[in-house]
Amino acid sequence: MAAKDGPKLVLYSYWQSSCSWRVRFALNLKGISYEYKAVNLLKGEQFTPEFEKLNPLHFVPVLVDGDVVISDSYAILMYLEEKYPHTPLLPADPQHKALNLQVASIVSSSIQPLHMLLTSKYLEEKVGPQERLLFAQTNVEKGFHALEKLLKDIVGKYATGDEVYMADVLMAPQIAVATERFKIDISKFPTLSRIYESLKALPEFLAASPERQPDAVK
């Protein structure tokens, strides 16, 4: 379903960015069409004057919806939820809504920033690639232990039941990155592993995956 009453949305994205991946996943779940504009972080395209006008922090993703520019994945998801409420990312029940927001916050604030490109590059320069990897693994697993405890008693296919919500949107790319890039054994987290098995089969998730993006390096 295309965005209503306005031009097509534009998403500035980098194929390997987990933050961009979560937004692509959400857009697909909501059935919102968008134009993909690649920003090559390895080539420094995030530092061009044109991109700096969109996000002075030089991070992706950035969503442009007409005159609205949003440069944070969490804020983008909340904006999509408010403006395009079909296929909601948050449940109506206050308790389940709070649980989704808590999971989203753990991923976006306590896990992902500790292994982002700038952090990883800085650590590798200071202490070497092995210590950089160990730092990422330690902090990702710490976050996963918290998520495991938070969700272990939830019954259903996905993080907070049988519907895909914001918790899933943030968790699925994070787990994929953890297993593929940081070689974390997700089987140590049976609840997360079960949820991920359900999520990774979704066509909306697969379509948002890095290797299917137009800027993917084959």
N, C-alpha and C. Protein backbone atom coordinates (compact mmCIF):
# COMPACT_ATOMS: atom_id res chain seq x y z
N MET A 1 0.86 -1.21 0.00
CA MET A 1 0.00 0.00 0.00
C MET A 1 0.89 1.25 0.00
N ALA A 2 0.67 2.13 -0.90
CA ALA A 2 1.47 3.35 -0.99
C ALA A 2 1.06 4.33 0.09
N ALA A 3 2.00 5.22 0.43
CA ALA A 3 1.68 6.29 1.38
C ALA A 3 0.57 7.15 0.79
N LYS A 4 -0.36 7.56 1.64
CA LYS A 4 -1.53 8.28 1.16
C LYS A 4 -1.32 9.79 1.22
N ASP A 5 -2.00 10.47 0.30
CA ASP A 5 -2.09 11.94 0.34
C ASP A 5 -0.73 12.62 0.35
N GLY A 6 0.14 12.21 -0.53
CA GLY A 6 1.43 12.89 -0.60
C GLY A 6 2.40 12.11 -1.46
N PRO A 7 3.58 12.65 -1.65
CA PRO A 7 4.59 11.99 -2.46
C PRO A 7 5.09 10.73 -1.77
N LYS A 8 5.71 9.88 -2.54
CA LYS A 8 6.29 8.67 -2.00
C LYS A 8 7.38 9.01 -0.97
N LEU A 9 7.44 8.24 0.09
CA LEU A 9 8.47 8.45 1.10
C LEU A 9 9.85 8.12 0.52
N VAL A 10 10.86 8.78 1.06
CA VAL A 10 12.25 8.52 0.66
C VAL A 10 13.00 8.05 1.89
N LEU A 11 13.69 6.92 1.75
CA LEU A 11 14.50 6.39 2.84
C LEU A 11 15.97 6.40 2.45
N TYR A 12 16.75 7.17 3.20
CA TYR A 12 18.20 7.15 3.03
C TYR A 12 18.73 6.02 3.90
N SER A 13 19.41 5.08 3.26
CA SER A 13 19.73 3.83 3.92
C SER A 13 21.10 3.33 3.49
N TYR A 14 21.66 2.46 4.31
CA TYR A 14 22.87 1.72 3.94
C TYR A 14 22.55 0.25 4.15
N TRP A 15 22.91 -0.57 3.22
CA TRP A 15 22.42 -1.95 3.20
C TRP A 15 22.77 -2.73 4.47
N GLN A 16 23.93 -2.49 5.07
CA GLN A 16 24.35 -3.26 6.25
C GLN A 16 23.95 -2.61 7.57
N SER A 17 23.31 -1.48 7.53
CA SER A 17 22.89 -0.80 8.75
C SER A 17 21.68 -1.50 9.37
N SER A 18 21.84 -1.99 10.62
CA SER A 18 20.71 -2.64 11.28
C SER A 18 19.60 -1.64 11.60
N CYS A 19 19.96 -0.39 11.83
CA CYS A 19 18.95 0.64 12.08
C CYS A 19 18.11 0.88 10.83
N SER A 20 18.77 0.89 9.68
CA SER A 20 18.03 1.03 8.42
C SER A 20 17.18 -0.20 8.16
N TRP A 21 17.72 -1.37 8.50
CA TRP A 21 17.00 -2.63 8.30
C TRP A 21 15.69 -2.62 9.07
N ARG A 22 15.70 -2.15 10.32
CA ARG A 22 14.46 -2.15 11.12
C ARG A 22 13.40 -1.23 10.49
N VAL A 23 13.83 -0.12 9.91
CA VAL A 23 12.87 0.78 9.26
C VAL A 23 12.34 0.17 7.98
N ARG A 24 13.21 -0.47 7.21
CA ARG A 24 12.75 -1.15 5.99
C ARG A 24 11.73 -2.24 6.34
N PHE A 25 12.00 -2.97 7.40
CA PHE A 25 11.09 -4.02 7.86
C PHE A 25 9.73 -3.43 8.22
N ALA A 26 9.74 -2.32 8.97
CA ALA A 26 8.49 -1.68 9.38
C ALA A 26 7.71 -1.16 8.18
N LEU A 27 8.38 -0.54 7.24
CA LEU A 27 7.71 -0.03 6.04
C LEU A 27 7.07 -1.18 5.26
N ASN A 28 7.78 -2.29 5.18
CA ASN A 28 7.23 -3.46 4.48
C ASN A 28 6.01 -4.02 5.21
N LEU A 29 6.08 -4.10 6.53
CA LEU A 29 4.95 -4.60 7.30
C LEU A 29 3.71 -3.74 7.10
N LYS A 30 3.92 -2.44 7.03
CA LYS A 30 2.81 -1.52 6.84
C LYS A 30 2.39 -1.39 5.37
N GLY A 31 3.17 -2.00 4.48
CA GLY A 31 2.83 -1.93 3.07
C GLY A 31 3.00 -0.55 2.47
N ILE A 32 3.97 0.20 2.98
CA ILE A 32 4.20 1.57 2.50
C ILE A 32 5.34 1.56 1.48
N SER A 33 5.05 2.02 0.28
CA SER A 33 6.09 2.10 -0.74
C SER A 33 7.01 3.28 -0.46
N TYR A 34 8.26 3.15 -0.87
CA TYR A 34 9.23 4.21 -0.62
C TYR A 34 10.35 4.15 -1.65
N GLU A 35 10.99 5.27 -1.81
CA GLU A 35 12.16 5.35 -2.68
C GLU A 35 13.41 5.12 -1.84
N TYR A 36 14.26 4.23 -2.30
CA TYR A 36 15.49 3.89 -1.58
C TYR A 36 16.64 4.75 -2.11
N LYS A 37 17.27 5.48 -1.21
CA LYS A 37 18.46 6.25 -1.58
C LYS A 37 19.64 5.76 -0.75
N ALA A 38 20.61 5.18 -1.43
CA ALA A 38 21.75 4.58 -0.75
C ALA A 38 22.74 5.64 -0.28
N VAL A 39 23.25 5.44 0.93
CA VAL A 39 24.31 6.28 1.49
C VAL A 39 25.44 5.33 1.87
N ASN A 40 26.53 5.38 1.12
CA ASN A 40 27.64 4.46 1.36
C ASN A 40 28.48 4.97 2.53
N LEU A 41 28.32 4.33 3.68
CA LEU A 41 29.03 4.78 4.88
C LEU A 41 30.53 4.53 4.78
N LEU A 42 30.92 3.47 4.08
CA LEU A 42 32.35 3.16 3.96
C LEU A 42 33.08 4.19 3.09
N LYS A 43 32.34 4.79 2.17
CA LYS A 43 32.93 5.83 1.32
C LYS A 43 32.76 7.23 1.90
N GLY A 44 32.11 7.33 3.05
CA GLY A 44 31.96 8.62 3.70
C GLY A 44 30.88 9.50 3.13
N GLU A 45 29.92 8.91 2.42
CA GLU A 45 28.87 9.72 1.81
C GLU A 45 27.96 10.38 2.84
N GLN A 46 28.00 9.89 4.08
CA GLN A 46 27.21 10.51 5.15
C GLN A 46 27.77 11.86 5.58
N PHE A 47 28.98 12.19 5.10
CA PHE A 47 29.60 13.46 5.48
C PHE A 47 29.49 14.52 4.39
N THR A 48 28.77 14.22 3.32
CA THR A 48 28.60 15.21 2.26
C THR A 48 27.70 16.35 2.77
N PRO A 49 27.86 17.54 2.23
CA PRO A 49 27.01 18.67 2.64
C PRO A 49 25.52 18.38 2.44
N GLU A 50 25.20 17.64 1.38
CA GLU A 50 23.79 17.34 1.10
C GLU A 50 23.20 16.47 2.21
N PHE A 51 23.96 15.45 2.63
CA PHE A 51 23.43 14.57 3.67
C PHE A 51 23.45 15.25 5.04
N GLU A 52 24.43 16.09 5.27
CA GLU A 52 24.51 16.78 6.57
C GLU A 52 23.28 17.66 6.81
N LYS A 53 22.69 18.17 5.73
CA LYS A 53 21.48 18.96 5.89
C LYS A 53 20.33 18.10 6.41
N LEU A 54 20.36 16.82 6.07
CA LEU A 54 19.31 15.90 6.52
C LEU A 54 19.58 15.41 7.94
N ASN A 55 20.83 15.12 8.24
CA ASN A 55 21.19 14.64 9.57
C ASN A 55 22.60 15.10 9.93
N PRO A 56 22.72 16.13 10.75
CA PRO A 56 24.04 16.63 11.16
C PRO A 56 24.88 15.60 11.92
N LEU A 57 24.24 14.55 12.45
CA LEU A 57 24.99 13.48 13.13
C LEU A 57 25.60 12.48 12.14
N HIS A 58 25.22 12.58 10.88
CA HIS A 58 25.78 11.75 9.81
C HIS A 58 25.45 10.27 9.96
N PHE A 59 24.26 9.96 10.49
CA PHE A 59 23.83 8.58 10.64
C PHE A 59 22.69 8.28 9.68
N VAL A 60 22.57 7.01 9.30
CA VAL A 60 21.38 6.51 8.63
C VAL A 60 20.62 5.65 9.63
N PRO A 61 19.32 5.52 9.42
CA PRO A 61 18.51 5.97 8.30
C PRO A 61 18.00 7.39 8.51
N VAL A 62 17.56 7.97 7.38
CA VAL A 62 16.81 9.22 7.39
C VAL A 62 15.56 8.99 6.53
N LEU A 63 14.43 9.38 7.07
CA LEU A 63 13.17 9.27 6.31
C LEU A 63 12.69 10.66 5.95
N VAL A 64 12.35 10.83 4.67
CA VAL A 64 11.79 12.10 4.19
C VAL A 64 10.37 11.82 3.71
N ASP A 65 9.43 12.52 4.32
CA ASP A 65 8.01 12.39 3.97
C ASP A 65 7.50 13.79 3.64
N GLY A 66 7.62 14.17 2.37
CA GLY A 66 7.26 15.54 1.99
C GLY A 66 8.21 16.53 2.63
N ASP A 67 7.69 17.40 3.46
CA ASP A 67 8.52 18.39 4.14
C ASP A 67 9.07 17.88 5.47
N VAL A 68 8.70 16.68 5.86
CA VAL A 68 9.13 16.12 7.15
C VAL A 68 10.41 15.31 6.96
N VAL A 69 11.41 15.60 7.78
CA VAL A 69 12.68 14.87 7.75
C VAL A 69 12.93 14.31 9.14
N ILE A 70 13.10 12.99 9.24
CA ILE A 70 13.33 12.35 10.53
C ILE A 70 14.60 11.52 10.43
N SER A 71 15.51 11.71 11.38
CA SER A 71 16.84 11.11 11.26
C SER A 71 17.21 10.20 12.43
N ASP A 72 16.25 9.46 12.93
CA ASP A 72 16.51 8.49 13.99
C ASP A 72 15.54 7.35 13.80
N SER A 73 16.03 6.11 13.84
CA SER A 73 15.16 4.98 13.51
C SER A 73 14.00 4.83 14.48
N TYR A 74 14.24 5.05 15.76
CA TYR A 74 13.17 4.94 16.75
C TYR A 74 12.10 6.01 16.48
N ALA A 75 12.54 7.23 16.23
CA ALA A 75 11.61 8.31 15.92
C ALA A 75 10.87 8.04 14.62
N ILE A 76 11.57 7.46 13.65
CA ILE A 76 10.91 7.12 12.38
C ILE A 76 9.79 6.12 12.61
N LEU A 77 10.05 5.10 13.41
CA LEU A 77 9.03 4.09 13.68
C LEU A 77 7.82 4.69 14.37
N MET A 78 8.05 5.59 15.32
CA MET A 78 6.93 6.22 16.02
C MET A 78 6.15 7.14 15.07
N TYR A 79 6.86 7.81 14.18
CA TYR A 79 6.20 8.66 13.19
C TYR A 79 5.33 7.83 12.26
N LEU A 80 5.87 6.71 11.77
CA LEU A 80 5.10 5.84 10.90
C LEU A 80 3.86 5.32 11.62
N GLU A 81 4.01 5.01 12.90
CA GLU A 81 2.89 4.50 13.67
C GLU A 81 1.77 5.53 13.78
N GLU A 82 2.15 6.78 13.95
CA GLU A 82 1.15 7.84 14.11
C GLU A 82 0.50 8.22 12.78
N LYS A 83 1.31 8.36 11.75
CA LYS A 83 0.77 8.87 10.49
C LYS A 83 0.15 7.77 9.63
N TYR A 84 0.68 6.57 9.73
CA TYR A 84 0.20 5.46 8.92
C TYR A 84 -0.21 4.32 9.86
N PRO A 85 -1.36 4.47 10.54
CA PRO A 85 -1.72 3.55 11.62
C PRO A 85 -2.17 2.16 11.18
N HIS A 86 -2.39 1.96 9.87
CA HIS A 86 -2.76 0.61 9.43
C HIS A 86 -1.60 -0.35 9.73
N THR A 87 -1.92 -1.59 10.02
CA THR A 87 -0.95 -2.59 10.47
C THR A 87 -0.10 -2.00 11.59
N PRO A 88 -0.68 -1.81 12.76
CA PRO A 88 0.01 -1.11 13.84
C PRO A 88 1.28 -1.83 14.32
N LEU A 89 2.26 -1.03 14.71
CA LEU A 89 3.50 -1.56 15.28
C LEU A 89 3.41 -1.70 16.79
N LEU A 90 2.38 -1.11 17.38
CA LEU A 90 2.19 -1.18 18.82
C LEU A 90 0.78 -1.70 19.12
N PRO A 91 0.67 -2.62 20.08
CA PRO A 91 -0.66 -3.13 20.44
C PRO A 91 -1.45 -2.11 21.23
N ALA A 92 -2.76 -2.30 21.29
CA ALA A 92 -3.62 -1.37 22.02
C ALA A 92 -3.50 -1.54 23.53
N ASP A 93 -3.24 -2.76 23.98
CA ASP A 93 -3.13 -3.04 25.41
C ASP A 93 -1.95 -2.28 26.01
N PRO A 94 -2.16 -1.46 27.05
CA PRO A 94 -1.08 -0.65 27.61
C PRO A 94 0.12 -1.45 28.11
N GLN A 95 -0.13 -2.60 28.72
CA GLN A 95 0.96 -3.42 29.23
C GLN A 95 1.82 -3.97 28.10
N HIS A 96 1.17 -4.48 27.06
CA HIS A 96 1.92 -5.01 25.93
C HIS A 96 2.60 -3.89 25.13
N LYS A 97 1.97 -2.74 25.09
CA LYS A 97 2.60 -1.60 24.43
C LYS A 97 3.88 -1.22 25.17
N ALA A 98 3.81 -1.15 26.50
CA ALA A 98 4.99 -0.81 27.29
C ALA A 98 6.09 -1.84 27.12
N LEU A 99 5.72 -3.13 27.02
CA LEU A 99 6.71 -4.19 26.82
C LEU A 99 7.41 -4.02 25.48
N ASN A 100 6.64 -3.69 24.44
CA ASN A 100 7.24 -3.46 23.13
C ASN A 100 8.22 -2.28 23.17
N LEU A 101 7.81 -1.22 23.82
CA LEU A 101 8.67 -0.04 23.90
C LEU A 101 9.93 -0.32 24.72
N GLN A 102 9.79 -1.16 25.75
CA GLN A 102 10.95 -1.52 26.56
C GLN A 102 11.95 -2.34 25.75
N VAL A 103 11.46 -3.31 25.01
CA VAL A 103 12.35 -4.11 24.15
C VAL A 103 13.03 -3.22 23.11
N ALA A 104 12.25 -2.35 22.49
CA ALA A 104 12.80 -1.44 21.49
C ALA A 104 13.87 -0.55 22.07
N SER A 105 13.66 -0.08 23.28
CA SER A 105 14.64 0.78 23.93
C SER A 105 15.92 0.03 24.26
N ILE A 106 15.80 -1.21 24.72
CA ILE A 106 16.99 -2.02 25.04
C ILE A 106 17.84 -2.21 23.79
N VAL A 107 17.20 -2.53 22.68
CA VAL A 107 17.94 -2.75 21.43
C VAL A 107 18.56 -1.44 20.93
N SER A 108 17.76 -0.38 20.88
CA SER A 108 18.23 0.86 20.26
C SER A 108 19.18 1.67 21.14
N SER A 109 19.09 1.47 22.46
CA SER A 109 19.91 2.28 23.37
C SER A 109 21.03 1.51 24.06
N SER A 110 20.80 0.23 24.36
CA SER A 110 21.75 -0.52 25.17
C SER A 110 22.53 -1.58 24.41
N ILE A 111 22.13 -1.89 23.17
CA ILE A 111 22.86 -2.90 22.39
C ILE A 111 23.48 -2.29 21.15
N GLN A 112 22.65 -1.81 20.24
CA GLN A 112 23.13 -1.38 18.91
C GLN A 112 24.21 -0.31 18.95
N PRO A 113 24.11 0.74 19.79
CA PRO A 113 25.14 1.78 19.76
C PRO A 113 26.54 1.28 20.11
N LEU A 114 26.61 0.17 20.84
CA LEU A 114 27.91 -0.33 21.29
C LEU A 114 28.66 -1.11 20.23
N HIS A 115 28.02 -1.37 19.09
CA HIS A 115 28.76 -2.03 18.01
C HIS A 115 28.59 -1.30 16.67
N MET A 116 28.13 -0.06 16.70
CA MET A 116 27.96 0.68 15.46
C MET A 116 29.31 0.97 14.82
N LEU A 117 29.29 1.36 13.57
CA LEU A 117 30.50 1.48 12.76
C LEU A 117 31.55 2.38 13.39
N LEU A 118 31.14 3.55 13.86
CA LEU A 118 32.10 4.48 14.45
C LEU A 118 32.74 3.90 15.71
N THR A 119 31.94 3.26 16.55
CA THR A 119 32.46 2.66 17.77
C THR A 119 33.43 1.53 17.45
N SER A 120 33.04 0.67 16.52
CA SER A 120 33.88 -0.45 16.15
C SER A 120 35.21 0.01 15.57
N LYS A 121 35.14 1.00 14.70
CA LYS A 121 36.36 1.51 14.07
C LYS A 121 37.29 2.12 15.11
N TYR A 122 36.74 2.87 16.05
CA TYR A 122 37.55 3.49 17.10
C TYR A 122 38.23 2.43 17.96
N LEU A 123 37.46 1.42 18.37
CA LEU A 123 38.01 0.37 19.22
C LEU A 123 39.09 -0.43 18.50
N GLU A 124 38.87 -0.70 17.23
CA GLU A 124 39.87 -1.46 16.48
C GLU A 124 41.17 -0.69 16.36
N GLU A 125 41.08 0.61 16.19
CA GLU A 125 42.29 1.43 16.11
C GLU A 125 43.04 1.47 17.44
N LYS A 126 42.27 1.44 18.56
CA LYS A 126 42.88 1.59 19.88
C LYS A 126 43.38 0.27 20.45
N VAL A 127 42.58 -0.80 20.28
CA VAL A 127 42.93 -2.06 20.97
C VAL A 127 43.03 -3.26 20.04
N GLY A 128 42.73 -3.10 18.76
CA GLY A 128 42.87 -4.19 17.81
C GLY A 128 41.56 -4.90 17.52
N PRO A 129 41.51 -5.67 16.43
CA PRO A 129 40.26 -6.29 15.98
C PRO A 129 39.71 -7.34 16.94
N GLN A 130 40.57 -8.09 17.62
CA GLN A 130 40.09 -9.13 18.52
C GLN A 130 39.37 -8.53 19.73
N GLU A 131 39.96 -7.48 20.30
CA GLU A 131 39.33 -6.83 21.45
C GLU A 131 38.04 -6.11 21.02
N ARG A 132 38.03 -5.58 19.82
CA ARG A 132 36.82 -4.94 19.30
C ARG A 132 35.69 -5.97 19.21
N LEU A 133 36.01 -7.14 18.67
CA LEU A 133 35.01 -8.20 18.55
C LEU A 133 34.52 -8.65 19.93
N LEU A 134 35.45 -8.82 20.86
CA LEU A 134 35.08 -9.25 22.21
C LEU A 134 34.18 -8.22 22.89
N PHE A 135 34.48 -6.95 22.69
CA PHE A 135 33.66 -5.88 23.27
C PHE A 135 32.23 -5.95 22.73
N ALA A 136 32.12 -6.12 21.41
CA ALA A 136 30.79 -6.21 20.79
C ALA A 136 30.05 -7.43 21.30
N GLN A 137 30.70 -8.58 21.30
CA GLN A 137 30.06 -9.81 21.75
C GLN A 137 29.57 -9.70 23.19
N THR A 138 30.41 -9.15 24.06
CA THR A 138 30.07 -9.03 25.48
C THR A 138 28.83 -8.17 25.68
N ASN A 139 28.78 -7.05 25.00
CA ASN A 139 27.67 -6.12 25.20
C ASN A 139 26.38 -6.59 24.51
N VAL A 140 26.51 -7.22 23.36
CA VAL A 140 25.32 -7.76 22.71
C VAL A 140 24.73 -8.88 23.57
N GLU A 141 25.57 -9.76 24.07
CA GLU A 141 25.07 -10.87 24.89
C GLU A 141 24.46 -10.35 26.20
N LYS A 142 25.02 -9.32 26.77
CA LYS A 142 24.43 -8.71 27.97
C LYS A 142 23.00 -8.25 27.67
N GLY A 143 22.81 -7.60 26.55
CA GLY A 143 21.48 -7.15 26.16
C GLY A 143 20.54 -8.31 25.86
N PHE A 144 21.08 -9.36 25.23
CA PHE A 144 20.26 -10.52 24.91
C PHE A 144 19.81 -11.25 26.18
N HIS A 145 20.67 -11.31 27.19
CA HIS A 145 20.27 -11.92 28.46
C HIS A 145 19.08 -11.15 29.06
N ALA A 146 19.13 -9.83 28.97
CA ALA A 146 18.02 -9.02 29.49
C ALA A 146 16.74 -9.27 28.71
N LEU A 147 16.84 -9.33 27.39
CA LEU A 147 15.66 -9.59 26.56
C LEU A 147 15.10 -10.99 26.82
N GLU A 148 16.00 -11.96 26.99
CA GLU A 148 15.57 -13.33 27.26
C GLU A 148 14.72 -13.40 28.54
N LYS A 149 15.17 -12.75 29.58
CA LYS A 149 14.44 -12.75 30.84
C LYS A 149 13.12 -11.99 30.71
N LEU A 150 13.14 -10.94 29.94
CA LEU A 150 11.94 -10.11 29.78
C LEU A 150 10.84 -10.84 29.03
N LEU A 151 11.22 -11.69 28.08
CA LEU A 151 10.24 -12.28 27.16
C LEU A 151 9.98 -13.77 27.37
N LYS A 152 10.67 -14.39 28.31
CA LYS A 152 10.62 -15.86 28.41
C LYS A 152 9.24 -16.40 28.75
N ASP A 153 8.39 -15.61 29.37
CA ASP A 153 7.07 -16.10 29.75
C ASP A 153 5.97 -15.70 28.77
N ILE A 154 6.34 -15.02 27.70
CA ILE A 154 5.36 -14.62 26.69
C ILE A 154 4.99 -15.83 25.83
N VAL A 155 3.71 -16.03 25.61
CA VAL A 155 3.24 -17.13 24.79
C VAL A 155 2.86 -16.59 23.41
N GLY A 156 3.39 -17.23 22.35
CA GLY A 156 3.07 -16.80 21.00
C GLY A 156 4.24 -16.97 20.07
N LYS A 157 4.02 -16.74 18.79
CA LYS A 157 5.07 -16.91 17.79
C LYS A 157 6.13 -15.84 17.86
N TYR A 158 5.71 -14.63 18.26
CA TYR A 158 6.62 -13.49 18.18
C TYR A 158 6.92 -12.94 19.57
N ALA A 159 7.56 -11.80 19.64
CA ALA A 159 8.09 -11.31 20.91
C ALA A 159 7.02 -11.09 21.96
N THR A 160 5.87 -10.56 21.57
CA THR A 160 4.84 -10.25 22.56
C THR A 160 3.50 -10.91 22.22
N GLY A 161 3.55 -12.02 21.49
CA GLY A 161 2.33 -12.73 21.15
C GLY A 161 2.33 -13.24 19.73
N ASP A 162 1.16 -13.31 19.12
CA ASP A 162 1.03 -13.87 17.78
C ASP A 162 0.97 -12.81 16.68
N GLU A 163 1.19 -11.56 17.02
CA GLU A 163 1.26 -10.49 16.03
C GLU A 163 2.66 -9.88 16.05
N VAL A 164 3.10 -9.42 14.90
CA VAL A 164 4.41 -8.77 14.79
C VAL A 164 4.28 -7.31 15.18
N TYR A 165 5.07 -6.91 16.17
CA TYR A 165 5.02 -5.53 16.66
C TYR A 165 6.43 -4.94 16.70
N MET A 166 6.53 -3.78 17.32
CA MET A 166 7.78 -3.03 17.31
C MET A 166 8.93 -3.81 17.95
N ALA A 167 8.66 -4.57 18.99
CA ALA A 167 9.72 -5.37 19.60
C ALA A 167 10.37 -6.28 18.57
N ASP A 168 9.55 -6.91 17.74
CA ASP A 168 10.06 -7.80 16.70
C ASP A 168 10.84 -7.04 15.64
N VAL A 169 10.34 -5.87 15.30
CA VAL A 169 10.97 -5.05 14.25
C VAL A 169 12.39 -4.68 14.64
N LEU A 170 12.63 -4.42 15.91
CA LEU A 170 13.98 -4.08 16.35
C LEU A 170 14.82 -5.31 16.65
N MET A 171 14.20 -6.34 17.20
CA MET A 171 14.97 -7.52 17.59
C MET A 171 15.49 -8.32 16.41
N ALA A 172 14.68 -8.50 15.38
CA ALA A 172 15.06 -9.41 14.29
C ALA A 172 16.36 -8.97 13.59
N PRO A 173 16.49 -7.71 13.15
CA PRO A 173 17.77 -7.31 12.55
C PRO A 173 18.93 -7.41 13.53
N GLN A 174 18.67 -7.10 14.81
CA GLN A 174 19.73 -7.16 15.80
C GLN A 174 20.25 -8.58 15.98
N ILE A 175 19.35 -9.55 16.02
CA ILE A 175 19.76 -10.94 16.15
C ILE A 175 20.52 -11.40 14.90
N ALA A 176 20.04 -10.99 13.73
CA ALA A 176 20.73 -11.36 12.49
C ALA A 176 22.16 -10.84 12.49
N VAL A 177 22.34 -9.59 12.86
CA VAL A 177 23.68 -8.99 12.92
C VAL A 177 24.54 -9.71 13.95
N ALA A 178 23.95 -10.03 15.09
CA ALA A 178 24.71 -10.69 16.17
C ALA A 178 25.23 -12.06 15.73
N THR A 179 24.41 -12.81 15.03
CA THR A 179 24.81 -14.15 14.62
C THR A 179 25.76 -14.13 13.43
N GLU A 180 25.53 -13.24 12.49
CA GLU A 180 26.32 -13.24 11.26
C GLU A 180 27.62 -12.45 11.41
N ARG A 181 27.53 -11.27 12.01
CA ARG A 181 28.71 -10.40 12.07
C ARG A 181 29.57 -10.68 13.30
N PHE A 182 28.92 -11.01 14.41
CA PHE A 182 29.66 -11.18 15.66
C PHE A 182 29.73 -12.61 16.15
N LYS A 183 29.20 -13.54 15.35
CA LYS A 183 29.32 -14.98 15.62
C LYS A 183 28.80 -15.38 17.00
N ILE A 184 27.71 -14.75 17.41
CA ILE A 184 27.09 -15.09 18.69
C ILE A 184 26.17 -16.29 18.50
N ASP A 185 26.26 -17.23 19.42
CA ASP A 185 25.45 -18.44 19.38
C ASP A 185 24.08 -18.13 19.97
N ILE A 186 23.10 -17.92 19.10
CA ILE A 186 21.78 -17.51 19.56
C ILE A 186 21.06 -18.65 20.28
N SER A 187 21.53 -19.87 20.12
CA SER A 187 20.89 -20.99 20.82
C SER A 187 21.05 -20.87 22.34
N LYS A 188 21.97 -20.05 22.80
CA LYS A 188 22.11 -19.80 24.24
C LYS A 188 20.92 -19.01 24.78
N PHE A 189 20.12 -18.46 23.87
CA PHE A 189 18.96 -17.66 24.25
C PHE A 189 17.72 -18.29 23.60
N PRO A 190 17.16 -19.34 24.23
CA PRO A 190 16.10 -20.12 23.57
C PRO A 190 14.86 -19.33 23.20
N THR A 191 14.49 -18.37 24.03
CA THR A 191 13.30 -17.57 23.71
C THR A 191 13.56 -16.70 22.48
N LEU A 192 14.71 -16.02 22.47
CA LEU A 192 15.05 -15.18 21.32
C LEU A 192 15.22 -16.02 20.07
N SER A 193 15.82 -17.19 20.22
CA SER A 193 16.01 -18.07 19.08
C SER A 193 14.67 -18.51 18.48
N ARG A 194 13.72 -18.85 19.33
CA ARG A 194 12.40 -19.27 18.86
C ARG A 194 11.70 -18.13 18.13
N ILE A 195 11.76 -16.93 18.70
CA ILE A 195 11.13 -15.76 18.08
C ILE A 195 11.76 -15.47 16.72
N TYR A 196 13.09 -15.54 16.68
CA TYR A 196 13.81 -15.22 15.44
C TYR A 196 13.48 -16.22 14.33
N GLU A 197 13.31 -17.50 14.68
CA GLU A 197 12.95 -18.50 13.68
C GLU A 197 11.64 -18.14 13.00
N SER A 198 10.70 -17.60 13.78
CA SER A 198 9.41 -17.19 13.19
C SER A 198 9.57 -15.94 12.34
N LEU A 199 10.36 -14.98 12.83
CA LEU A 199 10.48 -13.70 12.14
C LEU A 199 11.26 -13.80 10.84
N LYS A 200 12.31 -14.61 10.83
CA LYS A 200 13.18 -14.63 9.64
C LYS A 200 12.52 -15.29 8.43
N ALA A 201 11.36 -15.91 8.65
CA ALA A 201 10.62 -16.51 7.54
C ALA A 201 9.63 -15.54 6.90
N LEU A 202 9.41 -14.40 7.54
CA LEU A 202 8.43 -13.44 7.02
C LEU A 202 8.93 -12.79 5.73
N PRO A 203 8.10 -12.71 4.70
CA PRO A 203 8.54 -12.08 3.45
C PRO A 203 8.90 -10.60 3.64
N GLU A 204 8.24 -9.92 4.56
CA GLU A 204 8.56 -8.50 4.81
C GLU A 204 9.95 -8.34 5.40
N PHE A 205 10.34 -9.30 6.22
CA PHE A 205 11.69 -9.27 6.81
C PHE A 205 12.74 -9.62 5.76
N LEU A 206 12.45 -10.65 4.98
CA LEU A 206 13.40 -11.07 3.95
C LEU A 206 13.61 -9.97 2.91
N ALA A 207 12.53 -9.28 2.53
CA ALA A 207 12.65 -8.20 1.55
C ALA A 207 13.47 -7.03 2.08
N ALA A 208 13.50 -6.89 3.41
CA ALA A 208 14.26 -5.80 4.03
C ALA A 208 15.71 -6.17 4.32
N SER A 209 16.07 -7.43 4.11
CA SER A 209 17.40 -7.91 4.47
C SER A 209 18.49 -7.23 3.65
N PRO A 210 19.69 -7.12 4.21
CA PRO A 210 20.76 -6.37 3.54
C PRO A 210 21.07 -6.85 2.13
N GLU A 211 21.14 -8.16 1.93
CA GLU A 211 21.55 -8.67 0.63
C GLU A 211 20.55 -8.38 -0.48
N ARG A 212 19.33 -7.97 -0.13
CA ARG A 212 18.31 -7.67 -1.13
C ARG A 212 18.19 -6.17 -1.43
N GLN A 213 19.07 -5.37 -0.86
CA GLN A 213 19.00 -3.94 -1.09
C GLN A 213 19.80 -3.57 -2.34
N PRO A 214 19.42 -2.48 -3.01
CA PRO A 214 20.07 -2.12 -4.27
C PRO A 214 21.55 -1.78 -4.15
N ASP A 215 21.99 -1.39 -2.94
CA ASP A 215 23.40 -1.04 -2.75
C ASP A 215 24.22 -2.18 -2.15
N ALA A 216 23.62 -3.36 -2.05
CA ALA A 216 24.33 -4.51 -1.46
C ALA A 216 25.55 -4.87 -2.29
N VAL A 217 26.62 -5.18 -1.60
CA VAL A 217 27.84 -5.64 -2.27
C VAL A 217 27.75 -7.14 -2.42
N LYS A 218 27.73 -7.60 -3.64
CA LYS A 218 27.55 -9.04 -3.91
C LYS A 218 28.87 -9.78 -3.73
